[in-house]
PDB file of N, CA and C in Angstrom:
ATOM      1  N   UNK A   1     197.251  19.496 103.503  1.00  0.00           N
ATOM      2  CA  UNK A   1     198.186  20.418 102.855  1.00  0.00           C
ATOM      3  C   UNK A   1     199.623  19.910 102.995  1.00  0.00           C
ATOM      4  N   UNK A   2     199.778  18.626 103.160  1.00  0.00           N
ATOM      5  CA  UNK A   2     201.107  18.022 103.245  1.00  0.00           C
ATOM      6  C   UNK A   2     201.934  18.584 104.405  1.00  0.00           C
ATOM      7  N   UNK A   3     201.277  19.026 105.466  1.00  0.00           N
ATOM      8  CA  UNK A   3     201.997  19.528 106.625  1.00  0.00           C
ATOM      9  C   UNK A   3     202.584  20.918 106.432  1.00  0.00           C
ATOM     10  N   UNK A   4     202.252  21.578 105.328  1.00  0.00           N
ATOM     11  CA  UNK A   4     202.785  22.929 105.087  1.00  0.00           C
ATOM     12  C   UNK A   4     201.727  23.969 105.406  1.00  0.00           C
ATOM     13  N   UNK A   5     202.189  25.144 105.730  1.00  0.00           N
ATOM     14  CA  UNK A   5     201.286  26.254 106.015  1.00  0.00           C
ATOM     15  C   UNK A   5     200.680  26.774 104.717  1.00  0.00           C
ATOM     16  N   UNK A   6     199.404  27.139 104.742  1.00  0.00           N
ATOM     17  CA  UNK A   6     198.728  27.655 103.564  1.00  0.00           C
ATOM     18  C   UNK A   6     199.269  29.045 103.228  1.00  0.00           C
ATOM     19  N   UNK A   7     199.556  29.261 101.959  1.00  0.00           N
ATOM     20  CA  UNK A   7     200.025  30.554 101.475  1.00  0.00           C
ATOM     21  C   UNK A   7     199.096  30.983 100.350  1.00  0.00           C
ATOM     22  N   UNK A   8     198.657  32.231 100.373  1.00  0.00           N
ATOM     23  CA  UNK A   8     197.766  32.727  99.330  1.00  0.00           C
ATOM     24  C   UNK A   8     198.422  32.626  97.963  1.00  0.00           C
ATOM     25  N   UNK A   9     197.609  32.410  96.952  1.00  0.00           N
ATOM     26  CA  UNK A   9     198.110  32.246  95.595  1.00  0.00           C
ATOM     27  C   UNK A   9     198.852  33.489  95.121  1.00  0.00           C
ATOM     28  N   UNK A  10     198.346  34.664  95.419  1.00  0.00           N
ATOM     29  CA  UNK A  10     199.007  35.897  94.993  1.00  0.00           C
ATOM     30  C   UNK A  10     200.383  36.040  95.645  1.00  0.00           C
ATOM     31  N   UNK A  11     200.501  35.593  96.896  1.00  0.00           N
ATOM     32  CA  UNK A  11     201.795  35.631  97.572  1.00  0.00           C
ATOM     33  C   UNK A  11     202.770  34.654  96.933  1.00  0.00           C
ATOM     34  N   UNK A  12     202.288  33.470  96.585  1.00  0.00           N
ATOM     35  CA  UNK A  12     203.123  32.501  95.878  1.00  0.00           C
ATOM     36  C   UNK A  12     203.633  33.073  94.557  1.00  0.00           C
ATOM     37  N   UNK A  13     202.737  33.722  93.828  1.00  0.00           N
ATOM     38  CA  UNK A  13     203.112  34.291  92.525  1.00  0.00           C
ATOM     39  C   UNK A  13     204.185  35.352  92.707  1.00  0.00           C
ATOM     40  N   UNK A  14     203.983  36.260  93.642  1.00  0.00           N
ATOM     41  CA  UNK A  14     204.960  37.331  93.863  1.00  0.00           C
ATOM     42  C   UNK A  14     206.316  36.772  94.277  1.00  0.00           C
ATOM     43  N   UNK A  15     206.304  35.776  95.153  1.00  0.00           N
ATOM     44  CA  UNK A  15     207.558  35.159  95.595  1.00  0.00           C
ATOM     45  C   UNK A  15     208.286  34.526  94.419  1.00  0.00           C
ATOM     46  N   UNK A  16     207.556  33.807  93.600  1.00  0.00           N
ATOM     47  CA  UNK A  16     208.170  33.144  92.456  1.00  0.00           C
ATOM     48  C   UNK A  16     208.700  34.155  91.447  1.00  0.00           C
ATOM     49  N   UNK A  17     207.965  35.252  91.240  1.00  0.00           N
ATOM     50  CA  UNK A  17     208.413  36.294  90.306  1.00  0.00           C
ATOM     51  C   UNK A  17     209.726  36.903  90.800  1.00  0.00           C
ATOM     52  N   UNK A  18     209.833  37.146  92.096  1.00  0.00           N
ATOM     53  CA  UNK A  18     211.078  37.692  92.644  1.00  0.00           C
ATOM     54  C   UNK A  18     212.234  36.728  92.426  1.00  0.00           C
ATOM     55  N   UNK A  19     211.959  35.427  92.580  1.00  0.00           N
ATOM     56  CA  UNK A  19     212.998  34.432  92.328  1.00  0.00           C
ATOM     57  C   UNK A  19     213.425  34.446  90.862  1.00  0.00           C
ATOM     58  N   UNK A  20     212.460  34.567  89.956  1.00  0.00           N
ATOM     59  CA  UNK A  20     212.781  34.634  88.522  1.00  0.00           C
ATOM     60  C   UNK A  20     213.634  35.856  88.203  1.00  0.00           C
ATOM     61  N   UNK A  21     213.231  37.002  88.737  1.00  0.00           N
ATOM     62  CA  UNK A  21     213.956  38.246  88.478  1.00  0.00           C
ATOM     63  C   UNK A  21     215.378  38.152  89.022  1.00  0.00           C
ATOM     64  N   UNK A  22     215.535  37.641  90.229  1.00  0.00           N
ATOM     65  CA  UNK A  22     216.869  37.501  90.832  1.00  0.00           C
ATOM     66  C   UNK A  22     217.757  36.552  90.046  1.00  0.00           C
ATOM     67  N   UNK A  23     217.135  35.535  89.409  1.00  0.00           N
ATOM     68  CA  UNK A  23     217.895  34.570  88.618  1.00  0.00           C
ATOM     69  C   UNK A  23     218.150  35.068  87.196  1.00  0.00           C
ATOM     70  N   UNK A  24     217.568  36.232  86.854  1.00  0.00           N
ATOM     71  CA  UNK A  24     217.747  36.783  85.514  1.00  0.00           C
ATOM     72  C   UNK A  24     216.884  36.095  84.465  1.00  0.00           C
ATOM     73  N   UNK A  25     215.865  35.378  84.896  1.00  0.00           N
ATOM     74  CA  UNK A  25     214.962  34.671  83.987  1.00  0.00           C
ATOM     75  C   UNK A  25     213.803  35.585  83.599  1.00  0.00           C
ATOM     76  N   UNK A  26     213.236  35.382  82.403  1.00  0.00           N
ATOM     77  CA  UNK A  26     212.075  36.184  82.011  1.00  0.00           C
ATOM     78  C   UNK A  26     210.837  35.778  82.812  1.00  0.00           C
ATOM     79  N   UNK A  27     210.031  36.752  83.146  1.00  0.00           N
ATOM     80  CA  UNK A  27     208.791  36.502  83.884  1.00  0.00           C
ATOM     81  C   UNK A  27     207.674  36.342  82.859  1.00  0.00           C
ATOM     82  N   UNK A  28     207.155  35.131  82.749  1.00  0.00           N
ATOM     83  CA  UNK A  28     206.077  34.862  81.801  1.00  0.00           C
ATOM     84  C   UNK A  28     204.925  34.175  82.522  1.00  0.00           C
ATOM     85  N   UNK A  29     203.729  34.289  81.921  1.00  0.00           N
ATOM     86  CA  UNK A  29     202.572  33.613  82.497  1.00  0.00           C
ATOM     87  C   UNK A  29     202.805  32.106  82.546  1.00  0.00           C
ATOM     88  N   UNK A  30     203.421  31.555  81.494  1.00  0.00           N
ATOM     89  CA  UNK A  30     203.616  30.102  81.462  1.00  0.00           C
ATOM     90  C   UNK A  30     204.568  29.639  82.568  1.00  0.00           C
ATOM     91  N   UNK A  31     205.597  30.428  82.870  1.00  0.00           N
ATOM     92  CA  UNK A  31     206.517  30.063  83.953  1.00  0.00           C
ATOM     93  C   UNK A  31     205.797  30.094  85.300  1.00  0.00           C
ATOM     94  N   UNK A  32     204.956  31.082  85.491  1.00  0.00           N
ATOM     95  CA  UNK A  32     204.211  31.189  86.749  1.00  0.00           C
ATOM     96  C   UNK A  32     203.187  30.056  86.854  1.00  0.00           C
ATOM     97  N   UNK A  33     202.512  29.739  85.734  1.00  0.00           N
ATOM     98  CA  UNK A  33     201.531  28.643  85.738  1.00  0.00           C
ATOM     99  C   UNK A  33     202.211  27.323  86.079  1.00  0.00           C
ATOM    100  N   UNK A  34     203.409  27.089  85.518  1.00  0.00           N
ATOM    101  CA  UNK A  34     204.137  25.851  85.799  1.00  0.00           C
ATOM    102  C   UNK A  34     204.491  25.763  87.283  1.00  0.00           C
ATOM    103  N   UNK A  35     204.902  26.881  87.874  1.00  0.00           N
ATOM    104  CA  UNK A  35     205.224  26.900  89.296  1.00  0.00           C
ATOM    105  C   UNK A  35     203.977  26.597  90.128  1.00  0.00           C
ATOM    106  N   UNK A  36     202.851  27.188  89.767  1.00  0.00           N
ATOM    107  CA  UNK A  36     201.625  26.948  90.523  1.00  0.00           C
ATOM    108  C   UNK A  36     201.181  25.487  90.394  1.00  0.00           C
ATOM    109  N   UNK A  37     201.381  24.902  89.220  1.00  0.00           N
ATOM    110  CA  UNK A  37     201.037  23.487  89.043  1.00  0.00           C
ATOM    111  C   UNK A  37     201.886  22.595  89.935  1.00  0.00           C
ATOM    112  N   UNK A  38     203.160  22.970  90.115  1.00  0.00           N
ATOM    113  CA  UNK A  38     204.034  22.201  91.002  1.00  0.00           C
ATOM    114  C   UNK A  38     203.627  22.374  92.465  1.00  0.00           C
ATOM    115  N   UNK A  39     203.312  23.608  92.839  1.00  0.00           N
ATOM    116  CA  UNK A  39     202.972  23.903  94.234  1.00  0.00           C
ATOM    117  C   UNK A  39     201.583  23.409  94.620  1.00  0.00           C
ATOM    118  N   UNK A  40     200.635  23.535  93.701  1.00  0.00           N
ATOM    119  CA  UNK A  40     199.244  23.180  93.998  1.00  0.00           C
ATOM    120  C   UNK A  40     198.642  22.406  92.831  1.00  0.00           C
ATOM    121  N   UNK A  41     198.972  21.153  92.699  1.00  0.00           N
ATOM    122  CA  UNK A  41     198.428  20.362  91.595  1.00  0.00           C
ATOM    123  C   UNK A  41     196.903  20.324  91.644  1.00  0.00           C
ATOM    124  N   UNK A  42     196.300  20.475  90.479  1.00  0.00           N
ATOM    125  CA  UNK A  42     194.845  20.399  90.401  1.00  0.00           C
ATOM    126  C   UNK A  42     194.113  21.698  90.651  1.00  0.00           C
ATOM    127  N   UNK A  43     194.806  22.741  91.101  1.00  0.00           N
ATOM    128  CA  UNK A  43     194.150  24.025  91.334  1.00  0.00           C
ATOM    129  C   UNK A  43     194.033  24.784  90.018  1.00  0.00           C
ATOM    130  N   UNK A  44     192.933  25.451  89.833  1.00  0.00           N
ATOM    131  CA  UNK A  44     192.690  26.214  88.612  1.00  0.00           C
ATOM    132  C   UNK A  44     193.205  27.629  88.820  1.00  0.00           C
ATOM    133  N   UNK A  45     193.947  28.144  87.840  1.00  0.00           N
ATOM    134  CA  UNK A  45     194.450  29.514  87.909  1.00  0.00           C
ATOM    135  C   UNK A  45     194.125  30.211  86.595  1.00  0.00           C
ATOM    136  N   UNK A  46     193.553  31.381  86.688  1.00  0.00           N
ATOM    137  CA  UNK A  46     193.233  32.163  85.514  1.00  0.00           C
ATOM    138  C   UNK A  46     194.359  33.155  85.233  1.00  0.00           C
ATOM    139  N   UNK A  47     194.614  33.478  83.955  1.00  0.00           N
ATOM    140  CA  UNK A  47     195.663  34.454  83.631  1.00  0.00           C
ATOM    141  C   UNK A  47     195.471  35.799  84.318  1.00  0.00           C
ATOM    142  N   UNK A  48     194.214  36.192  84.527  1.00  0.00           N
ATOM    143  CA  UNK A  48     193.984  37.473  85.200  1.00  0.00           C
ATOM    144  C   UNK A  48     194.459  37.446  86.652  1.00  0.00           C
ATOM    145  N   UNK A  49     194.405  36.288  87.294  1.00  0.00           N
ATOM    146  CA  UNK A  49     194.923  36.178  88.667  1.00  0.00           C
ATOM    147  C   UNK A  49     196.422  36.452  88.688  1.00  0.00           C
ATOM    148  N   UNK A  50     197.114  35.929  87.683  1.00  0.00           N
ATOM    149  CA  UNK A  50     198.560  36.149  87.601  1.00  0.00           C
ATOM    150  C   UNK A  50     198.838  37.618  87.329  1.00  0.00           C
ATOM    151  N   UNK A  51     198.105  38.204  86.394  1.00  0.00           N
ATOM    152  CA  UNK A  51     198.313  39.621  86.065  1.00  0.00           C
ATOM    153  C   UNK A  51     198.093  40.515  87.265  1.00  0.00           C
ATOM    154  N   UNK A  52     197.026  40.254  88.016  1.00  0.00           N
ATOM    155  CA  UNK A  52     196.738  41.070  89.206  1.00  0.00           C
ATOM    156  C   UNK A  52     197.829  40.925  90.262  1.00  0.00           C
ATOM    157  N   UNK A  53     198.327  39.717  90.435  1.00  0.00           N
ATOM    158  CA  UNK A  53     199.389  39.500  91.419  1.00  0.00           C
ATOM    159  C   UNK A  53     200.676  40.178  90.972  1.00  0.00           C
ATOM    160  N   UNK A  54     200.930  40.205  89.671  1.00  0.00           N
ATOM    161  CA  UNK A  54     202.151  40.825  89.160  1.00  0.00           C
ATOM    162  C   UNK A  54     202.136  42.340  89.305  1.00  0.00           C
ATOM    163  N   UNK A  55     200.959  42.941  89.382  1.00  0.00           N
ATOM    164  CA  UNK A  55     200.891  44.399  89.549  1.00  0.00           C
ATOM    165  C   UNK A  55     201.625  44.843  90.803  1.00  0.00           C
ATOM    166  N   UNK A  56     201.555  44.057  91.852  1.00  0.00           N
ATOM    167  CA  UNK A  56     202.219  44.418  93.096  1.00  0.00           C
ATOM    168  C   UNK A  56     203.629  43.875  93.216  1.00  0.00           C
ATOM    169  N   UNK A  57     204.078  43.109  92.224  1.00  0.00           N
ATOM    170  CA  UNK A  57     205.384  42.464  92.331  1.00  0.00           C
ATOM    171  C   UNK A  57     206.528  43.301  91.777  1.00  0.00           C
ATOM    172  N   UNK A  58     206.227  44.246  90.911  1.00  0.00           N
ATOM    173  CA  UNK A  58     207.283  45.044  90.285  1.00  0.00           C
ATOM    174  C   UNK A  58     207.867  46.038  91.285  1.00  0.00           C
ATOM    175  N   UNK A  59     209.180  46.260  91.228  1.00  0.00           N
ATOM    176  CA  UNK A  59     209.781  47.265  92.101  1.00  0.00           C
ATOM    177  C   UNK A  59     209.214  48.655  91.788  1.00  0.00           C
ATOM    178  N   UNK A  60     209.232  49.524  92.762  1.00  0.00           N
ATOM    179  CA  UNK A  60     208.683  50.867  92.568  1.00  0.00           C
ATOM    180  C   UNK A  60     209.368  51.567  91.393  1.00  0.00           C
ATOM    181  N   UNK A  61     208.556  52.083  90.487  1.00  0.00           N
ATOM    182  CA  UNK A  61     209.095  52.807  89.342  1.00  0.00           C
ATOM    183  C   UNK A  61     209.567  51.931  88.195  1.00  0.00           C
ATOM    184  N   UNK A  62     209.449  50.618  88.318  1.00  0.00           N
ATOM    185  CA  UNK A  62     209.972  49.732  87.271  1.00  0.00           C
ATOM    186  C   UNK A  62     209.169  49.839  85.986  1.00  0.00           C
ATOM    187  N   UNK A  63     207.898  50.104  86.091  1.00  0.00           N
ATOM    188  CA  UNK A  63     207.063  50.176  84.898  1.00  0.00           C
ATOM    189  C   UNK A  63     206.976  51.586  84.321  1.00  0.00           C
ATOM    190  N   UNK A  64     207.474  52.536  85.017  1.00  0.00           N
ATOM    191  CA  UNK A  64     207.369  53.921  84.574  1.00  0.00           C
ATOM    192  C   UNK A  64     208.422  54.208  83.518  1.00  0.00           C
ATOM    193  N   UNK A  65     207.990  54.812  82.429  1.00  0.00           N
ATOM    194  CA  UNK A  65     208.918  55.224  81.385  1.00  0.00           C
ATOM    195  C   UNK A  65     208.965  56.741  81.369  1.00  0.00           C
ATOM    196  N   UNK A  66     210.155  57.271  81.263  1.00  0.00           N
ATOM    197  CA  UNK A  66     210.268  58.709  81.117  1.00  0.00           C
ATOM    198  C   UNK A  66     209.944  59.067  79.677  1.00  0.00           C
ATOM    199  N   UNK A  67     209.269  60.193  79.485  1.00  0.00           N
ATOM    200  CA  UNK A  67     208.928  60.623  78.137  1.00  0.00           C
ATOM    201  C   UNK A  67     210.146  61.158  77.405  1.00  0.00           C
ATOM    202  N   UNK A  68     209.994  61.265  76.087  1.00  0.00           N
ATOM    203  CA  UNK A  68     211.070  61.841  75.296  1.00  0.00           C
ATOM    204  C   UNK A  68     211.002  63.351  75.411  1.00  0.00           C
ATOM    205  N   UNK A  69     212.159  63.970  75.577  1.00  0.00           N
ATOM    206  CA  UNK A  69     212.195  65.429  75.668  1.00  0.00           C
ATOM    207  C   UNK A  69     211.891  66.018  74.301  1.00  0.00           C
ATOM    208  N   UNK A  70     211.131  67.095  74.303  1.00  0.00           N
ATOM    209  CA  UNK A  70     210.661  67.733  73.076  1.00  0.00           C
ATOM    210  C   UNK A  70     210.929  69.227  73.139  1.00  0.00           C
ATOM    211  N   UNK A  71     211.292  69.792  72.007  1.00  0.00           N
ATOM    212  CA  UNK A  71     211.376  71.249  71.896  1.00  0.00           C
ATOM    213  C   UNK A  71     210.277  71.702  70.954  1.00  0.00           C
ATOM    214  N   UNK A  72     209.456  72.625  71.422  1.00  0.00           N
ATOM    215  CA  UNK A  72     208.357  73.157  70.624  1.00  0.00           C
ATOM    216  C   UNK A  72     208.397  74.667  70.683  1.00  0.00           C
ATOM    217  N   UNK A  73     208.575  75.281  69.532  1.00  0.00           N
ATOM    218  CA  UNK A  73     208.642  76.741  69.423  1.00  0.00           C
ATOM    219  C   UNK A  73     209.676  77.332  70.363  1.00  0.00           C
ATOM    220  N   UNK A  74     210.819  76.656  70.496  1.00  0.00           N
ATOM    221  CA  UNK A  74     211.929  77.163  71.283  1.00  0.00           C
ATOM    222  C   UNK A  74     211.867  76.856  72.770  1.00  0.00           C
ATOM    223  N   UNK A  75     210.833  76.155  73.210  1.00  0.00           N
ATOM    224  CA  UNK A  75     210.687  75.816  74.626  1.00  0.00           C
ATOM    225  C   UNK A  75     210.877  74.306  74.792  1.00  0.00           C
ATOM    226  N   UNK A  76     211.700  73.889  75.747  1.00  0.00           N
ATOM    227  CA  UNK A  76     211.941  72.471  75.996  1.00  0.00           C
ATOM    228  C   UNK A  76     210.896  71.927  76.965  1.00  0.00           C
ATOM    229  N   UNK A  77     210.376  70.734  76.669  1.00  0.00           N
ATOM    230  CA  UNK A  77     209.391  70.063  77.510  1.00  0.00           C
ATOM    231  C   UNK A  77     209.913  68.677  77.860  1.00  0.00           C
ATOM    232  N   UNK A  78     209.552  68.147  79.038  1.00  0.00           N
ATOM    233  CA  UNK A  78     210.059  66.831  79.445  1.00  0.00           C
ATOM    234  C   UNK A  78     209.442  65.663  78.676  1.00  0.00           C
ATOM    235  N   UNK A  79     208.285  65.889  78.044  1.00  0.00           N
ATOM    236  CA  UNK A  79     207.634  64.804  77.322  1.00  0.00           C
ATOM    237  C   UNK A  79     206.767  65.348  76.203  1.00  0.00           C
ATOM    238  N   UNK A  80     206.394  64.446  75.324  1.00  0.00           N
ATOM    239  CA  UNK A  80     205.513  64.783  74.212  1.00  0.00           C
ATOM    240  C   UNK A  80     204.157  65.242  74.732  1.00  0.00           C
ATOM    241  N   UNK A  81     203.663  64.539  75.752  1.00  0.00           N
ATOM    242  CA  UNK A  81     202.362  64.875  76.325  1.00  0.00           C
ATOM    243  C   UNK A  81     202.359  66.273  76.930  1.00  0.00           C
ATOM    244  N   UNK A  82     203.433  66.639  77.630  1.00  0.00           N
ATOM    245  CA  UNK A  82     203.461  67.969  78.248  1.00  0.00           C
ATOM    246  C   UNK A  82     203.580  69.070  77.194  1.00  0.00           C
ATOM    247  N   UNK A  83     204.298  68.803  76.110  1.00  0.00           N
ATOM    248  CA  UNK A  83     204.388  69.788  75.021  1.00  0.00           C
ATOM    249  C   UNK A  83     203.024  69.974  74.370  1.00  0.00           C
ATOM    250  N   UNK A  84     202.332  68.863  74.130  1.00  0.00           N
ATOM    251  CA  UNK A  84     200.998  68.950  73.549  1.00  0.00           C
ATOM    252  C   UNK A  84     200.031  69.676  74.453  1.00  0.00           C
ATOM    253  N   UNK A  85     200.098  69.381  75.739  1.00  0.00           N
ATOM    254  CA  UNK A  85     199.212  70.024  76.706  1.00  0.00           C
ATOM    255  C   UNK A  85     199.450  71.532  76.754  1.00  0.00           C
ATOM    256  N   UNK A  86     200.714  71.934  76.708  1.00  0.00           N
ATOM    257  CA  UNK A  86     201.051  73.361  76.755  1.00  0.00           C
ATOM    258  C   UNK A  86     200.546  74.105  75.519  1.00  0.00           C
ATOM    259  N   UNK A  87     200.425  73.377  74.411  1.00  0.00           N
ATOM    260  CA  UNK A  87     199.975  74.002  73.164  1.00  0.00           C
ATOM    261  C   UNK A  87     198.511  73.706  72.862  1.00  0.00           C
ATOM    262  N   UNK A  88     197.832  73.053  73.800  1.00  0.00           N
ATOM    263  CA  UNK A  88     196.407  72.799  73.644  1.00  0.00           C
ATOM    264  C   UNK A  88     196.068  71.741  72.604  1.00  0.00           C
ATOM    265  N   UNK A  89     196.976  70.786  72.387  1.00  0.00           N
ATOM    266  CA  UNK A  89     196.729  69.715  71.425  1.00  0.00           C
ATOM    267  C   UNK A  89     196.997  68.365  72.091  1.00  0.00           C
ATOM    268  N   UNK A  90     196.560  67.310  71.433  1.00  0.00           N
ATOM    269  CA  UNK A  90     196.758  65.972  71.993  1.00  0.00           C
ATOM    270  C   UNK A  90     198.204  65.503  71.794  1.00  0.00           C
ATOM    271  N   UNK A  91     198.547  64.437  72.490  1.00  0.00           N
ATOM    272  CA  UNK A  91     199.876  63.859  72.349  1.00  0.00           C
ATOM    273  C   UNK A  91     200.084  63.377  70.911  1.00  0.00           C
ATOM    274  N   UNK A  92     199.050  62.801  70.323  1.00  0.00           N
ATOM    275  CA  UNK A  92     199.148  62.318  68.951  1.00  0.00           C
ATOM    276  C   UNK A  92     199.384  63.466  67.978  1.00  0.00           C
ATOM    277  N   UNK A  93     198.706  64.585  68.190  1.00  0.00           N
ATOM    278  CA  UNK A  93     198.895  65.749  67.323  1.00  0.00           C
ATOM    279  C   UNK A  93     200.308  66.311  67.480  1.00  0.00           C
ATOM    280  N   UNK A  94     200.829  66.294  68.698  1.00  0.00           N
ATOM    281  CA  UNK A  94     202.203  66.761  68.927  1.00  0.00           C
ATOM    282  C   UNK A  94     203.196  65.843  68.206  1.00  0.00           C
ATOM    283  N   UNK A  95     202.952  64.541  68.239  1.00  0.00           N
ATOM    284  CA  UNK A  95     203.825  63.594  67.540  1.00  0.00           C
ATOM    285  C   UNK A  95     203.804  63.859  66.029  1.00  0.00           C
ATOM    286  N   UNK A  96     202.619  64.151  65.491  1.00  0.00           N
ATOM    287  CA  UNK A  96     202.508  64.448  64.059  1.00  0.00           C
ATOM    288  C   UNK A  96     203.260  65.726  63.705  1.00  0.00           C
ATOM    289  N   UNK A  97     203.211  66.702  64.595  1.00  0.00           N
ATOM    290  CA  UNK A  97     203.953  67.948  64.338  1.00  0.00           C
ATOM    291  C   UNK A  97     205.459  67.686  64.300  1.00  0.00           C
ATOM    292  N   UNK A  98     205.941  66.835  65.188  1.00  0.00           N
ATOM    293  CA  UNK A  98     207.373  66.526  65.203  1.00  0.00           C
ATOM    294  C   UNK A  98     207.794  65.849  63.902  1.00  0.00           C
ATOM    295  N   UNK A  99     206.944  64.984  63.374  1.00  0.00           N
ATOM    296  CA  UNK A  99     207.267  64.252  62.154  1.00  0.00           C
ATOM    297  C   UNK A  99     206.960  65.025  60.879  1.00  0.00           C
ATOM    298  N   UNK A 100     206.314  66.174  61.005  1.00  0.00           N
ATOM    299  CA  UNK A 100     205.909  66.943  59.831  1.00  0.00           C
ATOM    300  C   UNK A 100     206.946  67.989  59.439  1.00  0.00           C
ATOM    301  N   UNK A 101     207.226  68.131  58.135  1.00  0.00           N
ATOM    302  CA  UNK A 101     208.137  69.187  57.689  1.00  0.00           C
ATOM    303  C   UNK A 101     207.507  70.583  57.800  1.00  0.00           C
ATOM    304  N   UNK A 102     206.196  70.650  58.017  1.00  0.00           N
ATOM    305  CA  UNK A 102     205.491  71.935  58.131  1.00  0.00           C
ATOM    306  C   UNK A 102     205.654  72.579  59.508  1.00  0.00           C
ATOM    307  N   UNK A 103     206.239  71.855  60.466  1.00  0.00           N
ATOM    308  CA  UNK A 103     206.478  72.392  61.808  1.00  0.00           C
ATOM    309  C   UNK A 103     207.945  72.246  62.162  1.00  0.00           C
ATOM    310  N   UNK A 104     208.811  73.072  61.566  1.00  0.00           N
ATOM    311  CA  UNK A 104     210.252  72.942  61.812  1.00  0.00           C
ATOM    312  C   UNK A 104     210.669  73.305  63.235  1.00  0.00           C
ATOM    313  N   UNK A 105     209.822  73.992  63.982  1.00  0.00           N
ATOM    314  CA  UNK A 105     210.190  74.376  65.353  1.00  0.00           C
ATOM    315  C   UNK A 105     209.841  73.290  66.372  1.00  0.00           C
ATOM    316  N   UNK A 106     209.293  72.171  65.915  1.00  0.00           N
ATOM    317  CA  UNK A 106     208.962  71.037  66.773  1.00  0.00           C
ATOM    318  C   UNK A 106     209.982  69.938  66.497  1.00  0.00           C
ATOM    319  N   UNK A 107     210.706  69.510  67.541  1.00  0.00           N
ATOM    320  CA  UNK A 107     211.676  68.439  67.356  1.00  0.00           C
ATOM    321  C   UNK A 107     211.948  67.704  68.664  1.00  0.00           C
ATOM    322  N   UNK A 108     212.435  66.473  68.520  1.00  0.00           N
ATOM    323  CA  UNK A 108     212.839  65.686  69.690  1.00  0.00           C
ATOM    324  C   UNK A 108     214.216  66.107  70.136  1.00  0.00           C
ATOM    325  N   UNK A 109     214.427  66.101  71.440  1.00  0.00           N
ATOM    326  CA  UNK A 109     215.747  66.430  71.989  1.00  0.00           C
ATOM    327  C   UNK A 109     216.401  65.150  72.494  1.00  0.00           C
ATOM    328  N   UNK A 110     217.673  65.021  72.191  1.00  0.00           N
ATOM    329  CA  UNK A 110     218.497  63.902  72.670  1.00  0.00           C
ATOM    330  C   UNK A 110     217.808  62.654  72.750  1.00  0.00           C
TER     331      UNK A 110
END
């Protein structure tokens, strides 16, 4: 191992992703594959290995998106899904109501 301590592949990926993020570079599979080729020539890496390692690399809450606020029949809801749930319909049906002229009391807020 060239006198270096063995480091798990997932740990290498996470470390490299943090370096990319700190440098303001985009995190792509090809960038991670190139890094792994430099660190471990000849080792086979599957895209799913990179994806699994990246699941733990994102900062807490980084992947979470807040829903769009919705007003339905005069009541404000934090998201489309919660408005649909309160009215017993799916999120897709709630979206259609917002876009439909037949439901003037359904609209997006801010």
